[in-house]
């Protein structure tokens, strides 16, 4: 590290502001076993809420946006306005959902630490990955067999007897 003023053009280069290691005066007080168990249950409940919010990205949110787009199309008699309303609603809903997930993830991290675990990272990425692994195959099966779509001229519905 170059700290000699003659090497740095006369500037005293030191640590950047705000990067000093955090030192507590006294270690944080740990809760009792009963409190840690309660914190563990709260962490599990927050994790379950995060999974539910994440799974809403795959079904209820897009359906609600399509419903809103359909209502706008019916009110305005314009397909373009309906599509615009559906996409804007979907974008806003996804952003609100991700903001909610980020706050829940931070709360989960704090509660998990309070429960006595050395938790340094959140689980939002892992939950999102697992929900994608669940959501994509379910959507693919629905789209292929139940949505009424045809694949390259092959009518799947007629093969299923529908």
Protein backbone atom coordinates (compact mmCIF):
# COMPACT_ATOMS: atom_id res chain seq x y z
CA UNK A 1 0.00 0.00 0.00
CA UNK A 2 1.37 3.38 -0.96
CA UNK A 3 1.07 5.79 1.97
CA UNK A 4 4.23 7.84 1.56
CA UNK A 5 3.21 11.40 0.53
CA UNK A 6 5.99 11.50 -2.06
CA UNK A 7 4.51 8.41 -3.79
CA UNK A 8 0.95 9.70 -3.81
CA UNK A 9 1.54 13.23 -5.05
CA UNK A 10 1.48 14.81 -1.60
CA UNK A 11 -1.83 13.24 -0.58
CA UNK A 12 -2.09 11.31 2.64
CA UNK A 13 -3.98 8.23 1.51
CA UNK A 14 -5.68 6.42 4.35
CA UNK A 15 -8.74 4.34 4.93
CA UNK A 16 -11.92 5.59 3.28
CA UNK A 17 -14.45 7.23 5.59
CA UNK A 18 -16.93 4.80 7.10
CA UNK A 19 -14.86 1.65 6.53
CA UNK A 20 -13.45 1.29 10.03
CA UNK A 21 -14.24 -2.09 11.63
CA UNK A 22 -17.24 -2.01 13.94
CA UNK A 23 -16.36 -2.43 17.60
CA UNK A 24 -19.03 -2.83 20.25
CA UNK A 25 -18.39 -1.53 23.75
CA UNK A 26 -19.90 -4.66 25.23
CA UNK A 27 -21.02 -7.79 23.42
CA UNK A 28 -24.75 -7.89 22.64
CA UNK A 29 -26.81 -9.58 25.33
CA UNK A 30 -28.10 -13.00 24.28
CA UNK A 31 -31.65 -13.98 25.01
CA UNK A 32 -32.59 -17.08 26.95
CA UNK A 33 -33.43 -20.45 25.41
CA UNK A 34 -37.14 -19.69 25.38
CA UNK A 35 -36.60 -16.39 23.58
CA UNK A 36 -34.28 -18.00 21.04
CA UNK A 37 -36.88 -20.69 20.29
CA UNK A 38 -39.51 -18.01 19.79
CA UNK A 39 -37.16 -16.11 17.48
CA UNK A 40 -36.58 -19.34 15.55
CA UNK A 41 -40.33 -19.75 15.06
CA UNK A 42 -40.67 -16.15 13.91
CA UNK A 43 -37.81 -16.74 11.44
CA UNK A 44 -39.60 -19.84 10.10
CA UNK A 45 -42.84 -17.86 9.72
CA UNK A 46 -41.01 -15.09 7.84
CA UNK A 47 -39.45 -17.71 5.58
CA UNK A 48 -42.90 -19.17 4.84
CA UNK A 49 -44.26 -15.70 4.00
CA UNK A 50 -41.31 -15.15 1.66
CA UNK A 51 -42.08 -18.41 -0.15
CA UNK A 52 -45.75 -17.48 -0.52
CA UNK A 53 -44.92 -14.01 -1.88
CA UNK A 54 -42.42 -15.54 -4.29
CA UNK A 55 -44.89 -18.15 -5.53
CA UNK A 56 -47.42 -15.37 -6.15
CA UNK A 57 -45.14 -14.19 -8.97
CA UNK A 58 -46.02 -17.35 -10.89
CA UNK A 59 -49.81 -17.41 -10.70
CA UNK A 60 -51.94 -14.92 -8.80
CA UNK A 61 -50.01 -11.79 -9.83
CA UNK A 62 -50.05 -12.44 -13.60
CA UNK A 63 -53.70 -13.50 -13.44
CA UNK A 64 -54.63 -10.35 -11.54
CA UNK A 65 -52.76 -8.24 -14.10
CA UNK A 66 -54.54 -9.98 -16.97
CA UNK A 67 -57.85 -9.39 -15.23
CA UNK A 68 -57.07 -5.69 -14.81
CA UNK A 69 -56.00 -5.50 -18.47
CA UNK A 70 -59.28 -7.15 -19.48
CA UNK A 71 -61.28 -4.65 -17.42
CA UNK A 72 -59.40 -1.73 -19.00
CA UNK A 73 -59.99 -3.17 -22.48
CA UNK A 74 -63.70 -3.52 -21.73
CA UNK A 75 -63.97 0.04 -20.36
CA UNK A 76 -61.99 1.70 -23.16
CA UNK A 77 -62.78 -0.72 -26.01
CA UNK A 78 -59.06 -0.63 -26.86
CA UNK A 79 -56.82 -3.69 -26.93
CA UNK A 80 -53.72 -1.49 -26.72
CA UNK A 81 -54.93 0.20 -23.54
CA UNK A 82 -55.69 -3.20 -22.02
CA UNK A 83 -52.24 -4.54 -22.88
CA UNK A 84 -50.56 -1.41 -21.57
CA UNK A 85 -52.52 -1.61 -18.33
CA UNK A 86 -51.67 -5.30 -17.90
CA UNK A 87 -47.93 -4.77 -18.49
CA UNK A 88 -47.70 -1.67 -16.30
CA UNK A 89 -49.59 -3.45 -13.53
CA UNK A 90 -47.34 -6.51 -13.87
CA UNK A 91 -44.17 -4.41 -13.72
CA UNK A 92 -45.41 -2.48 -10.69
CA UNK A 93 -46.58 -5.65 -8.96
CA UNK A 94 -43.24 -7.37 -9.52
CA UNK A 95 -41.32 -4.37 -8.18
CA UNK A 96 -43.56 -4.13 -5.11
CA UNK A 97 -43.20 -7.86 -4.54
CA UNK A 98 -39.42 -7.72 -4.80
CA UNK A 99 -39.29 -4.74 -2.44
CA UNK A 100 -41.41 -6.71 0.03
CA UNK A 101 -39.17 -9.75 -0.34
CA UNK A 102 -36.05 -7.69 0.30
CA UNK A 103 -37.51 -6.23 3.50
CA UNK A 104 -38.71 -9.66 4.65
CA UNK A 105 -35.26 -11.08 3.92
CA UNK A 106 -33.60 -8.43 6.05
CA UNK A 107 -36.08 -9.03 8.88
CA UNK A 108 -35.47 -12.80 8.59
CA UNK A 109 -31.73 -12.20 8.85
CA UNK A 110 -32.13 -10.15 12.02
CA UNK A 111 -34.53 -12.60 13.65
CA UNK A 112 -32.31 -15.52 12.71
CA UNK A 113 -29.35 -13.81 14.38
CA UNK A 114 -31.50 -13.14 17.43
CA UNK A 115 -32.29 -16.86 17.52
CA UNK A 116 -28.58 -17.54 18.07
CA UNK A 117 -27.48 -18.49 14.54
CA UNK A 118 -24.44 -16.94 12.90
CA UNK A 119 -26.43 -15.81 9.87
CA UNK A 120 -24.54 -13.48 7.54
CA UNK A 121 -26.46 -13.80 4.27
CA UNK A 122 -30.13 -13.74 3.42
CA UNK A 123 -32.07 -16.43 1.60
CA UNK A 124 -33.90 -14.39 -1.03
CA UNK A 125 -31.76 -15.83 -3.85
CA UNK A 126 -32.20 -19.42 -2.75
CA UNK A 127 -35.95 -19.02 -2.32
CA UNK A 128 -36.26 -17.37 -5.73
CA UNK A 129 -34.28 -20.21 -7.34
CA UNK A 130 -36.38 -22.92 -5.68
CA UNK A 131 -39.63 -21.17 -6.60
CA UNK A 132 -38.43 -20.90 -10.20
CA UNK A 133 -37.59 -24.60 -10.19
CA UNK A 134 -41.15 -25.27 -9.04
CA UNK A 135 -42.91 -22.62 -11.13
CA UNK A 136 -41.33 -23.17 -14.55
CA UNK A 137 -42.26 -26.88 -14.92
CA UNK A 138 -45.78 -26.29 -13.63
CA UNK A 139 -46.22 -23.41 -16.08
CA UNK A 140 -44.76 -25.53 -18.91
CA UNK A 141 -47.16 -28.39 -18.21
CA UNK A 142 -50.12 -26.02 -18.00
CA UNK A 143 -49.12 -24.19 -21.19
CA UNK A 144 -48.53 -27.40 -23.14
CA UNK A 145 -51.52 -29.45 -22.07
CA UNK A 146 -54.19 -27.23 -20.57
CA UNK A 147 -53.96 -23.73 -22.09
CA UNK A 148 -55.25 -24.67 -25.53
CA UNK A 149 -52.06 -23.59 -27.30
CA UNK A 150 -50.86 -25.50 -30.34
CA UNK A 151 -47.20 -26.40 -30.78
CA UNK A 152 -45.90 -26.10 -34.37
CA UNK A 153 -49.16 -27.23 -35.89
CA UNK A 154 -49.60 -30.13 -33.46
CA UNK A 155 -52.90 -29.77 -31.63
CA UNK A 156 -52.24 -31.21 -28.19
CA UNK A 157 -55.87 -30.77 -27.14
CA UNK A 158 -57.14 -33.08 -29.91
CA UNK A 159 -54.59 -35.72 -28.93
CA UNK A 160 -55.88 -35.57 -25.36
CA UNK A 161 -59.44 -35.96 -26.60
CA UNK A 162 -60.50 -32.35 -25.85
